Amino acid sequence: MWGLPLLLLFQERASAGRQLEEPLIDTVRNALTAAVEQRAPPVHEIDDPAVRQRYQHWLAVNGQRLLRHKPDARARREFLQTLWYESHRAGLETALVLGLIQVESNFRKFAISSAGARGYMQVMPFWMRVLGDGDTSRLFHLQTNLRFGCVILRHYLDVERGDLFMALGRYNGSRGLPAYPRSVLEARSRWQV
């Protein structure tokens, strides 16, 4: 009824840092763009019964943990299914992505930081210009935000040769400073199953 702009006006600011726009060589830009543009829905067809059982256990445990942040059962399940899909797609640990989201937006879909970062993973708007179509309102869409955030974090892990501390600092725009990586790693420990 009130619309997204009015809703955003009343949202709390997120505490994300100032992620920096860095020049990307064409091959990196093309690879990241391709990763973001693949629009496969988060379908979980798990053939291995043991893996399927671990996934169901993960959903149940983290569904309970997420209850206070997302009281609606359907929204909570959709969030977790999408997070599982996008984190695995990017080769990231689900607990790490949940910890990052907790620190960045405290699970608020419409969070906006003082630096202008948007959504669950606090993606900076310049990424929509660099990798997307420029429409920053799409950063509030669940799968778009998680896909961008996971692809960007994966990129930073690759740039930092697997150094999680430095990659998290780069993600937040505080590269080399310990506060942000420590916060994410502490939050990650709460989401491990």
N, C-alpha and C. Protein backbone atom coordinates (compact mmCIF):
# COMPACT_ATOMS: atom_id res chain seq x y z
N MET A 1 0.82 -1.18 0.00
CA MET A 1 0.00 0.00 0.00
C MET A 1 0.87 1.25 0.00
N TRP A 2 1.87 1.32 0.86
CA TRP A 2 2.71 2.50 0.95
C TRP A 2 3.83 2.49 -0.07
N GLY A 3 4.18 1.32 -0.55
CA GLY A 3 5.22 1.25 -1.56
C GLY A 3 6.61 1.14 -0.97
N LEU A 4 7.50 0.67 -1.78
CA LEU A 4 8.89 0.44 -1.38
C LEU A 4 9.60 1.72 -0.94
N PRO A 5 9.48 2.85 -1.62
CA PRO A 5 10.21 4.05 -1.19
C PRO A 5 9.86 4.47 0.23
N LEU A 6 8.59 4.44 0.61
CA LEU A 6 8.21 4.85 1.95
C LEU A 6 8.70 3.82 2.97
N LEU A 7 8.62 2.55 2.61
CA LEU A 7 9.12 1.49 3.49
C LEU A 7 10.61 1.69 3.75
N LEU A 8 11.35 2.02 2.74
CA LEU A 8 12.79 2.22 2.89
C LEU A 8 13.10 3.42 3.78
N LEU A 9 12.26 4.42 3.75
CA LEU A 9 12.46 5.60 4.56
C LEU A 9 12.47 5.25 6.05
N PHE A 10 11.66 4.26 6.44
CA PHE A 10 11.53 3.91 7.84
C PHE A 10 12.44 2.75 8.27
N GLN A 11 13.23 2.22 7.38
CA GLN A 11 14.13 1.14 7.73
C GLN A 11 15.33 1.67 8.50
N GLU A 12 15.82 0.86 9.43
CA GLU A 12 17.05 1.22 10.12
C GLU A 12 18.21 1.15 9.14
N ARG A 13 19.19 1.94 9.38
CA ARG A 13 20.40 1.88 8.58
C ARG A 13 21.20 0.65 8.97
N ALA A 14 21.83 0.03 8.01
CA ALA A 14 22.70 -1.10 8.29
C ALA A 14 24.09 -0.57 8.61
N SER A 15 24.90 -1.42 9.18
CA SER A 15 26.22 -0.95 9.61
C SER A 15 27.34 -1.39 8.69
N ALA A 16 27.04 -1.57 7.43
CA ALA A 16 28.06 -2.01 6.49
C ALA A 16 29.13 -0.95 6.31
N GLY A 17 30.32 -1.40 5.97
CA GLY A 17 31.44 -0.50 5.72
C GLY A 17 31.36 0.10 4.34
N ARG A 18 32.47 0.58 3.89
CA ARG A 18 32.52 1.24 2.58
C ARG A 18 33.33 0.40 1.60
N GLN A 19 32.66 -0.60 1.05
CA GLN A 19 33.28 -1.43 0.03
C GLN A 19 33.71 -0.54 -1.12
N LEU A 20 34.90 -0.77 -1.62
CA LEU A 20 35.46 0.10 -2.66
C LEU A 20 35.24 -0.48 -4.04
N GLU A 21 34.93 0.41 -4.97
CA GLU A 21 34.84 -0.01 -6.36
C GLU A 21 36.26 -0.08 -6.89
N GLU A 22 36.62 -1.26 -7.37
CA GLU A 22 37.96 -1.47 -7.89
C GLU A 22 37.88 -1.74 -9.38
N PRO A 23 38.88 -1.30 -10.13
CA PRO A 23 38.86 -1.61 -11.55
C PRO A 23 38.99 -3.12 -11.75
N LEU A 24 38.18 -3.66 -12.64
CA LEU A 24 38.23 -5.09 -12.94
C LEU A 24 38.72 -5.27 -14.38
N ILE A 25 39.61 -6.22 -14.58
CA ILE A 25 40.01 -6.51 -15.95
C ILE A 25 38.83 -7.18 -16.64
N ASP A 26 38.79 -7.10 -17.97
CA ASP A 26 37.64 -7.59 -18.72
C ASP A 26 37.32 -9.06 -18.44
N THR A 27 38.34 -9.91 -18.30
CA THR A 27 38.06 -11.33 -18.07
C THR A 27 37.38 -11.53 -16.72
N VAL A 28 37.78 -10.79 -15.71
CA VAL A 28 37.14 -10.91 -14.39
C VAL A 28 35.72 -10.37 -14.47
N ARG A 29 35.55 -9.20 -15.08
CA ARG A 29 34.21 -8.61 -15.21
C ARG A 29 33.29 -9.57 -15.95
N ASN A 30 33.77 -10.17 -17.04
CA ASN A 30 32.94 -11.11 -17.82
C ASN A 30 32.58 -12.34 -17.00
N ALA A 31 33.54 -12.87 -16.24
CA ALA A 31 33.27 -14.06 -15.43
C ALA A 31 32.26 -13.75 -14.33
N LEU A 32 32.42 -12.61 -13.66
CA LEU A 32 31.48 -12.23 -12.61
C LEU A 32 30.09 -11.95 -13.18
N THR A 33 30.04 -11.29 -14.31
CA THR A 33 28.75 -11.00 -14.95
C THR A 33 28.05 -12.29 -15.31
N ALA A 34 28.78 -13.24 -15.88
CA ALA A 34 28.18 -14.53 -16.24
C ALA A 34 27.67 -15.25 -15.00
N ALA A 35 28.41 -15.19 -13.90
CA ALA A 35 27.99 -15.85 -12.67
C ALA A 35 26.72 -15.23 -12.11
N VAL A 36 26.61 -13.93 -12.22
CA VAL A 36 25.42 -13.23 -11.70
C VAL A 36 24.23 -13.46 -12.62
N GLU A 37 24.45 -13.47 -13.93
CA GLU A 37 23.35 -13.55 -14.88
C GLU A 37 22.69 -14.92 -14.95
N GLN A 38 23.37 -15.96 -14.56
CA GLN A 38 22.76 -17.28 -14.59
C GLN A 38 21.61 -17.28 -13.60
N ARG A 39 20.41 -17.39 -14.08
CA ARG A 39 19.22 -17.18 -13.26
C ARG A 39 18.54 -18.48 -12.83
N ALA A 40 19.29 -19.54 -12.69
CA ALA A 40 18.67 -20.80 -12.28
C ALA A 40 17.99 -20.64 -10.93
N PRO A 41 16.77 -21.15 -10.80
CA PRO A 41 16.08 -21.06 -9.51
C PRO A 41 16.74 -21.97 -8.48
N PRO A 42 16.60 -21.64 -7.19
CA PRO A 42 17.22 -22.47 -6.17
C PRO A 42 16.47 -23.78 -5.95
N VAL A 43 16.77 -24.75 -6.81
CA VAL A 43 16.14 -26.07 -6.72
C VAL A 43 17.13 -27.01 -6.05
N HIS A 44 16.64 -27.77 -5.09
CA HIS A 44 17.50 -28.68 -4.34
C HIS A 44 17.12 -30.12 -4.64
N GLU A 45 17.59 -30.62 -5.74
CA GLU A 45 17.37 -32.02 -6.08
C GLU A 45 18.62 -32.78 -5.65
N ILE A 46 18.54 -33.36 -4.48
CA ILE A 46 19.69 -34.05 -3.90
C ILE A 46 19.42 -35.55 -3.98
N ASP A 47 20.22 -36.23 -4.80
CA ASP A 47 20.03 -37.66 -5.01
C ASP A 47 20.59 -38.51 -3.88
N ASP A 48 21.69 -38.09 -3.32
CA ASP A 48 22.35 -38.86 -2.26
C ASP A 48 21.54 -38.75 -0.97
N PRO A 49 21.02 -39.87 -0.45
CA PRO A 49 20.19 -39.82 0.77
C PRO A 49 20.92 -39.21 1.97
N ALA A 50 22.20 -39.47 2.13
CA ALA A 50 22.95 -38.92 3.27
C ALA A 50 23.07 -37.41 3.15
N VAL A 51 23.34 -36.91 1.95
CA VAL A 51 23.44 -35.46 1.72
C VAL A 51 22.07 -34.81 1.92
N ARG A 52 21.03 -35.47 1.41
CA ARG A 52 19.67 -34.94 1.57
C ARG A 52 19.30 -34.86 3.06
N GLN A 53 19.69 -35.87 3.83
CA GLN A 53 19.42 -35.86 5.26
C GLN A 53 20.17 -34.73 5.97
N ARG A 54 21.44 -34.50 5.59
CA ARG A 54 22.20 -33.38 6.17
C ARG A 54 21.57 -32.04 5.82
N TYR A 55 21.10 -31.92 4.57
CA TYR A 55 20.45 -30.68 4.14
C TYR A 55 19.17 -30.45 4.95
N GLN A 56 18.35 -31.48 5.11
CA GLN A 56 17.11 -31.35 5.87
C GLN A 56 17.40 -30.98 7.33
N HIS A 57 18.44 -31.58 7.89
CA HIS A 57 18.85 -31.25 9.26
C HIS A 57 19.30 -29.79 9.35
N TRP A 58 20.10 -29.35 8.35
CA TRP A 58 20.57 -27.97 8.30
C TRP A 58 19.38 -27.00 8.24
N LEU A 59 18.38 -27.33 7.39
CA LEU A 59 17.18 -26.49 7.28
C LEU A 59 16.45 -26.40 8.62
N ALA A 60 16.28 -27.54 9.28
CA ALA A 60 15.54 -27.56 10.54
C ALA A 60 16.26 -26.77 11.63
N VAL A 61 17.56 -27.01 11.78
CA VAL A 61 18.33 -26.33 12.83
C VAL A 61 18.38 -24.83 12.58
N ASN A 62 18.75 -24.43 11.37
CA ASN A 62 18.86 -23.00 11.10
C ASN A 62 17.50 -22.33 10.97
N GLY A 63 16.47 -23.10 10.63
CA GLY A 63 15.12 -22.55 10.64
C GLY A 63 14.73 -22.11 12.05
N GLN A 64 15.09 -22.92 13.04
CA GLN A 64 14.82 -22.55 14.43
C GLN A 64 15.66 -21.34 14.86
N ARG A 65 16.92 -21.34 14.47
CA ARG A 65 17.81 -20.23 14.84
C ARG A 65 17.35 -18.90 14.22
N LEU A 66 16.76 -19.00 13.05
CA LEU A 66 16.37 -17.80 12.30
C LEU A 66 14.97 -17.31 12.69
N LEU A 67 14.27 -18.08 13.49
CA LEU A 67 12.88 -17.79 13.84
C LEU A 67 12.67 -16.35 14.33
N ARG A 68 13.54 -15.86 15.19
CA ARG A 68 13.33 -14.50 15.73
C ARG A 68 13.55 -13.41 14.68
N HIS A 69 14.36 -13.70 13.66
CA HIS A 69 14.61 -12.73 12.60
C HIS A 69 13.56 -12.81 11.49
N LYS A 70 13.04 -14.02 11.29
CA LYS A 70 12.08 -14.26 10.22
C LYS A 70 10.95 -15.14 10.77
N PRO A 71 9.94 -14.54 11.38
CA PRO A 71 8.87 -15.34 12.01
C PRO A 71 7.97 -16.08 11.02
N ASP A 72 7.85 -15.60 9.78
CA ASP A 72 7.01 -16.26 8.79
C ASP A 72 7.72 -17.51 8.26
N ALA A 73 7.10 -18.67 8.45
CA ALA A 73 7.72 -19.96 8.11
C ALA A 73 8.07 -20.05 6.62
N ARG A 74 7.18 -19.59 5.78
CA ARG A 74 7.43 -19.67 4.32
C ARG A 74 8.61 -18.78 3.91
N ALA A 75 8.63 -17.56 4.42
CA ALA A 75 9.73 -16.64 4.10
C ALA A 75 11.06 -17.17 4.65
N ARG A 76 11.01 -17.74 5.82
CA ARG A 76 12.23 -18.30 6.44
C ARG A 76 12.76 -19.46 5.61
N ARG A 77 11.88 -20.36 5.19
CA ARG A 77 12.30 -21.52 4.38
C ARG A 77 12.85 -21.06 3.02
N GLU A 78 12.17 -20.11 2.38
CA GLU A 78 12.63 -19.60 1.09
C GLU A 78 14.00 -18.94 1.23
N PHE A 79 14.18 -18.18 2.29
CA PHE A 79 15.47 -17.55 2.55
C PHE A 79 16.57 -18.60 2.69
N LEU A 80 16.33 -19.61 3.52
CA LEU A 80 17.35 -20.63 3.76
C LEU A 80 17.62 -21.47 2.51
N GLN A 81 16.59 -21.82 1.76
CA GLN A 81 16.79 -22.59 0.54
C GLN A 81 17.62 -21.79 -0.47
N THR A 82 17.30 -20.52 -0.60
CA THR A 82 18.05 -19.67 -1.54
C THR A 82 19.48 -19.48 -1.07
N LEU A 83 19.66 -19.27 0.23
CA LEU A 83 21.01 -19.12 0.77
C LEU A 83 21.84 -20.38 0.55
N TRP A 84 21.25 -21.53 0.79
CA TRP A 84 21.95 -22.81 0.57
C TRP A 84 22.39 -22.90 -0.89
N TYR A 85 21.44 -22.64 -1.78
CA TYR A 85 21.71 -22.74 -3.21
C TYR A 85 22.82 -21.78 -3.64
N GLU A 86 22.70 -20.51 -3.28
CA GLU A 86 23.66 -19.51 -3.74
C GLU A 86 25.03 -19.67 -3.09
N SER A 87 25.07 -20.04 -1.82
CA SER A 87 26.37 -20.23 -1.17
C SER A 87 27.09 -21.44 -1.76
N HIS A 88 26.38 -22.54 -1.98
CA HIS A 88 27.01 -23.72 -2.58
C HIS A 88 27.41 -23.45 -4.03
N ARG A 89 26.60 -22.72 -4.73
CA ARG A 89 26.89 -22.37 -6.11
C ARG A 89 28.20 -21.59 -6.21
N ALA A 90 28.46 -20.74 -5.21
CA ALA A 90 29.68 -19.92 -5.20
C ALA A 90 30.84 -20.61 -4.48
N GLY A 91 30.60 -21.80 -3.94
CA GLY A 91 31.66 -22.51 -3.22
C GLY A 91 31.95 -21.91 -1.86
N LEU A 92 30.91 -21.41 -1.20
CA LEU A 92 31.07 -20.80 0.13
C LEU A 92 30.37 -21.64 1.19
N GLU A 93 30.88 -21.59 2.38
CA GLU A 93 30.26 -22.26 3.52
C GLU A 93 28.98 -21.51 3.90
N THR A 94 27.89 -22.24 4.11
CA THR A 94 26.62 -21.59 4.44
C THR A 94 26.71 -20.81 5.76
N ALA A 95 27.42 -21.35 6.74
CA ALA A 95 27.55 -20.65 8.03
C ALA A 95 28.28 -19.32 7.86
N LEU A 96 29.26 -19.27 6.97
CA LEU A 96 29.97 -18.02 6.70
C LEU A 96 29.02 -16.98 6.12
N VAL A 97 28.21 -17.38 5.15
CA VAL A 97 27.27 -16.45 4.52
C VAL A 97 26.22 -15.98 5.54
N LEU A 98 25.73 -16.89 6.36
CA LEU A 98 24.78 -16.49 7.41
C LEU A 98 25.42 -15.53 8.40
N GLY A 99 26.67 -15.79 8.79
CA GLY A 99 27.37 -14.89 9.69
C GLY A 99 27.58 -13.52 9.08
N LEU A 100 27.92 -13.49 7.80
CA LEU A 100 28.11 -12.21 7.11
C LEU A 100 26.80 -11.43 7.06
N ILE A 101 25.71 -12.12 6.75
CA ILE A 101 24.40 -11.45 6.69
C ILE A 101 24.01 -10.92 8.07
N GLN A 102 24.27 -11.70 9.10
CA GLN A 102 23.94 -11.24 10.45
C GLN A 102 24.68 -9.94 10.77
N VAL A 103 25.96 -9.88 10.44
CA VAL A 103 26.76 -8.69 10.73
C VAL A 103 26.35 -7.53 9.82
N GLU A 104 26.15 -7.80 8.55
CA GLU A 104 25.87 -6.74 7.58
C GLU A 104 24.48 -6.11 7.75
N SER A 105 23.44 -6.94 7.85
CA SER A 105 22.08 -6.40 7.83
C SER A 105 21.18 -6.91 8.95
N ASN A 106 21.70 -7.82 9.75
CA ASN A 106 20.89 -8.48 10.79
C ASN A 106 19.61 -9.07 10.19
N PHE A 107 19.76 -9.63 8.98
CA PHE A 107 18.69 -10.34 8.28
C PHE A 107 17.55 -9.44 7.84
N ARG A 108 17.83 -8.17 7.62
CA ARG A 108 16.81 -7.23 7.13
C ARG A 108 16.92 -7.10 5.62
N LYS A 109 15.88 -7.50 4.95
CA LYS A 109 15.84 -7.49 3.48
C LYS A 109 16.02 -6.09 2.90
N PHE A 110 15.45 -5.08 3.53
CA PHE A 110 15.49 -3.73 2.98
C PHE A 110 16.49 -2.82 3.69
N ALA A 111 17.50 -3.41 4.31
CA ALA A 111 18.53 -2.62 5.00
C ALA A 111 19.32 -1.79 3.99
N ILE A 112 19.63 -0.56 4.38
CA ILE A 112 20.49 0.32 3.58
C ILE A 112 21.53 0.91 4.53
N SER A 113 22.79 0.78 4.17
CA SER A 113 23.86 1.31 5.02
C SER A 113 24.07 2.79 4.75
N SER A 114 24.85 3.42 5.60
CA SER A 114 25.16 4.84 5.39
C SER A 114 25.98 5.03 4.12
N ALA A 115 26.65 3.97 3.66
CA ALA A 115 27.42 4.04 2.41
C ALA A 115 26.55 3.71 1.20
N GLY A 116 25.28 3.32 1.44
CA GLY A 116 24.36 3.02 0.34
C GLY A 116 24.25 1.55 -0.02
N ALA A 117 24.95 0.66 0.71
CA ALA A 117 24.85 -0.77 0.44
C ALA A 117 23.44 -1.24 0.74
N ARG A 118 22.99 -2.26 0.00
CA ARG A 118 21.58 -2.65 0.07
C ARG A 118 21.38 -4.14 0.34
N GLY A 119 20.30 -4.41 1.06
CA GLY A 119 19.80 -5.77 1.20
C GLY A 119 20.53 -6.60 2.24
N TYR A 120 20.21 -7.88 2.23
CA TYR A 120 20.76 -8.82 3.20
C TYR A 120 22.28 -8.79 3.27
N MET A 121 22.92 -8.86 2.10
CA MET A 121 24.39 -8.95 2.06
C MET A 121 25.03 -7.59 1.84
N GLN A 122 24.23 -6.53 1.90
CA GLN A 122 24.74 -5.17 1.80
C GLN A 122 25.63 -4.98 0.58
N VAL A 123 25.05 -5.24 -0.58
CA VAL A 123 25.74 -5.10 -1.85
C VAL A 123 25.74 -3.63 -2.25
N MET A 124 26.91 -3.13 -2.60
CA MET A 124 27.02 -1.73 -3.01
C MET A 124 26.37 -1.54 -4.39
N PRO A 125 25.69 -0.43 -4.59
CA PRO A 125 24.99 -0.18 -5.86
C PRO A 125 25.89 -0.22 -7.09
N PHE A 126 27.17 0.13 -6.96
CA PHE A 126 28.03 0.14 -8.15
C PHE A 126 28.12 -1.25 -8.79
N TRP A 127 27.90 -2.31 -8.00
CA TRP A 127 27.95 -3.66 -8.58
C TRP A 127 26.84 -3.87 -9.61
N MET A 128 25.70 -3.22 -9.45
CA MET A 128 24.63 -3.34 -10.45
C MET A 128 25.05 -2.69 -11.76
N ARG A 129 25.84 -1.63 -11.67
CA ARG A 129 26.33 -0.99 -12.89
C ARG A 129 27.42 -1.83 -13.52
N VAL A 130 28.31 -2.40 -12.67
CA VAL A 130 29.45 -3.17 -13.17
C VAL A 130 29.01 -4.52 -13.72
N LEU A 131 28.10 -5.20 -13.01
CA LEU A 131 27.74 -6.57 -13.37
C LEU A 131 26.30 -6.76 -13.82
N GLY A 132 25.45 -5.81 -13.52
CA GLY A 132 24.03 -5.99 -13.82
C GLY A 132 23.52 -4.96 -14.80
N ASP A 133 22.25 -4.66 -14.66
CA ASP A 133 21.58 -3.74 -15.59
C ASP A 133 21.48 -2.32 -15.05
N GLY A 134 22.06 -2.07 -13.88
CA GLY A 134 22.03 -0.73 -13.30
C GLY A 134 20.85 -0.46 -12.40
N ASP A 135 19.86 -1.35 -12.35
CA ASP A 135 18.67 -1.16 -11.53
C ASP A 135 18.96 -1.58 -10.09
N THR A 136 19.31 -0.62 -9.25
CA THR A 136 19.72 -0.93 -7.87
C THR A 136 18.56 -1.43 -7.01
N SER A 137 17.32 -1.18 -7.40
CA SER A 137 16.19 -1.69 -6.62
C SER A 137 16.16 -3.22 -6.64
N ARG A 138 16.75 -3.83 -7.63
CA ARG A 138 16.80 -5.30 -7.71
C ARG A 138 17.67 -5.89 -6.60
N LEU A 139 18.50 -5.06 -5.96
CA LEU A 139 19.33 -5.56 -4.86
C LEU A 139 18.49 -5.92 -3.63
N PHE A 140 17.21 -5.58 -3.62
CA PHE A 140 16.32 -5.97 -2.53
C PHE A 140 15.62 -7.30 -2.83
N HIS A 141 15.80 -7.84 -4.02
CA HIS A 141 15.24 -9.14 -4.37
C HIS A 141 16.13 -10.21 -3.74
N LEU A 142 15.52 -11.14 -3.04
CA LEU A 142 16.25 -12.16 -2.27
C LEU A 142 17.34 -12.85 -3.08
N GLN A 143 16.98 -13.49 -4.17
CA GLN A 143 17.97 -14.26 -4.92
C GLN A 143 19.02 -13.36 -5.57
N THR A 144 18.62 -12.21 -6.06
CA THR A 144 19.60 -11.29 -6.66
C THR A 144 20.62 -10.84 -5.63
N ASN A 145 20.15 -10.45 -4.44
CA ASN A 145 21.06 -9.98 -3.41
C ASN A 145 22.01 -11.08 -2.96
N LEU A 146 21.48 -12.27 -2.71
CA LEU A 146 22.34 -13.36 -2.27
C LEU A 146 23.29 -13.80 -3.37
N ARG A 147 22.83 -13.78 -4.61
CA ARG A 147 23.71 -14.16 -5.71
C ARG A 147 24.85 -13.16 -5.84
N PHE A 148 24.53 -11.87 -5.87
CA PHE A 148 25.58 -10.85 -5.98
C PHE A 148 26.55 -10.96 -4.81
N GLY A 149 26.01 -11.01 -3.58
CA GLY A 149 26.86 -11.06 -2.41
C GLY A 149 27.78 -12.26 -2.40
N CYS A 150 27.26 -13.43 -2.74
CA CYS A 150 28.08 -14.65 -2.76
C CYS A 150 29.12 -14.61 -3.87
N VAL A 151 28.74 -14.14 -5.05
CA VAL A 151 29.70 -14.04 -6.16
C VAL A 151 30.81 -13.03 -5.82
N ILE A 152 30.44 -11.92 -5.21
CA ILE A 152 31.43 -10.90 -4.84
C ILE A 152 32.38 -11.45 -3.77
N LEU A 153 31.84 -12.10 -2.75
CA LEU A 153 32.70 -12.67 -1.71
C LEU A 153 33.62 -13.74 -2.30
N ARG A 154 33.10 -14.58 -3.19
CA ARG A 154 33.93 -15.60 -3.85
C ARG A 154 35.06 -14.93 -4.64
N HIS A 155 34.72 -13.84 -5.33
CA HIS A 155 35.72 -13.10 -6.09
C HIS A 155 36.82 -12.58 -5.16
N TYR A 156 36.41 -11.99 -4.03
CA TYR A 156 37.41 -11.47 -3.09
C TYR A 156 38.25 -12.58 -2.49
N LEU A 157 37.67 -13.74 -2.24
CA LEU A 157 38.45 -14.88 -1.75
C LEU A 157 39.49 -15.30 -2.79
N ASP A 158 39.09 -15.30 -4.05
CA ASP A 158 40.02 -15.65 -5.12
C ASP A 158 41.13 -14.61 -5.24
N VAL A 159 40.76 -13.32 -5.19
CA VAL A 159 41.75 -12.25 -5.27
C VAL A 159 42.75 -12.35 -4.11
N GLU A 160 42.25 -12.70 -2.94
CA GLU A 160 43.10 -12.79 -1.74
C GLU A 160 43.69 -14.20 -1.55
N ARG A 161 43.62 -15.01 -2.60
CA ARG A 161 44.19 -16.37 -2.61
C ARG A 161 43.74 -17.21 -1.41
N GLY A 162 42.45 -17.13 -1.11
CA GLY A 162 41.87 -17.95 -0.06
C GLY A 162 41.99 -17.38 1.35
N ASP A 163 42.59 -16.22 1.50
CA ASP A 163 42.74 -15.61 2.83
C ASP A 163 41.40 -14.99 3.24
N LEU A 164 40.68 -15.71 4.09
CA LEU A 164 39.34 -15.30 4.48
C LEU A 164 39.34 -13.96 5.22
N PHE A 165 40.30 -13.76 6.09
CA PHE A 165 40.42 -12.51 6.84
C PHE A 165 40.50 -11.31 5.88
N MET A 166 41.39 -11.40 4.89
CA MET A 166 41.56 -10.29 3.94
C MET A 166 40.35 -10.16 3.00
N ALA A 167 39.78 -11.29 2.60
CA ALA A 167 38.61 -11.24 1.71
C ALA A 167 37.43 -10.58 2.41
N LEU A 168 37.22 -10.91 3.68
CA LEU A 168 36.13 -10.28 4.42
C LEU A 168 36.38 -8.78 4.59
N GLY A 169 37.61 -8.41 4.86
CA GLY A 169 37.94 -7.00 4.96
C GLY A 169 37.69 -6.26 3.65
N ARG A 170 38.03 -6.90 2.55
CA ARG A 170 37.79 -6.30 1.23
C ARG A 170 36.28 -6.17 0.99
N TYR A 171 35.52 -7.19 1.38
CA TYR A 171 34.07 -7.17 1.19
C TYR A 171 33.46 -5.98 1.92
N ASN A 172 33.97 -5.70 3.10
CA ASN A 172 33.44 -4.62 3.94
C ASN A 172 34.08 -3.26 3.66
N GLY A 173 35.17 -3.24 2.92
CA GLY A 173 35.88 -1.99 2.69
C GLY A 173 36.78 -1.62 3.84
N SER A 174 37.16 -2.62 4.64
CA SER A 174 38.04 -2.38 5.78
C SER A 174 39.24 -3.33 5.73
N ARG A 175 39.73 -3.58 4.53
CA ARG A 175 40.81 -4.55 4.32
C ARG A 175 41.98 -4.28 5.25
N GLY A 176 42.41 -5.35 5.95
CA GLY A 176 43.54 -5.27 6.85
C GLY A 176 43.19 -4.93 8.28
N LEU A 177 41.96 -4.48 8.52
CA LEU A 177 41.53 -4.16 9.88
C LEU A 177 40.78 -5.36 10.47
N PRO A 178 41.00 -5.67 11.74
CA PRO A 178 40.48 -6.92 12.30
C PRO A 178 39.02 -6.92 12.74
N ALA A 179 38.41 -5.79 13.03
CA ALA A 179 37.09 -5.78 13.66
C ALA A 179 36.03 -6.50 12.82
N TYR A 180 35.93 -6.16 11.55
CA TYR A 180 34.87 -6.75 10.71
C TYR A 180 35.07 -8.25 10.51
N PRO A 181 36.25 -8.70 10.07
CA PRO A 181 36.42 -10.16 9.91
C PRO A 181 36.15 -10.91 11.21
N ARG A 182 36.59 -10.38 12.34
CA ARG A 182 36.34 -11.05 13.62
C ARG A 182 34.84 -11.15 13.91
N SER A 183 34.11 -10.08 13.62
CA SER A 183 32.66 -10.09 13.85
C SER A 183 31.97 -11.15 12.99
N VAL A 184 32.35 -11.23 11.73
CA VAL A 184 31.74 -12.21 10.82
C VAL A 184 32.10 -13.62 11.26
N LEU A 185 33.36 -13.86 11.62
CA LEU A 185 33.79 -15.20 12.02
C LEU A 185 33.12 -15.61 13.33
N GLU A 186 32.93 -14.67 14.24
CA GLU A 186 32.21 -14.96 15.48
C GLU A 186 30.75 -15.31 15.17
N ALA A 187 30.12 -14.53 14.31
CA ALA A 187 28.74 -14.82 13.93
C ALA A 187 28.65 -16.15 13.19
N ARG A 188 29.62 -16.46 12.35
CA ARG A 188 29.63 -17.73 11.61
C ARG A 188 29.54 -18.90 12.57
N SER A 189 30.25 -18.83 13.69
CA SER A 189 30.27 -19.94 14.63
C SER A 189 28.87 -20.25 15.18
N ARG A 190 28.01 -19.25 15.23
CA ARG A 190 26.63 -19.45 15.72
C ARG A 190 25.76 -20.19 14.72
N TRP A 191 26.16 -20.22 13.44
CA TRP A 191 25.33 -20.80 12.39
C TRP A 191 25.84 -22.15 11.91
N GLN A 192 26.91 -22.65 12.52
CA GLN A 192 27.44 -23.93 12.10
C GLN A 192 26.56 -25.07 12.60
N VAL A 193 26.36 -26.04 11.76
CA VAL A 193 25.53 -27.19 12.10
C VAL A 193 26.40 -28.43 12.03
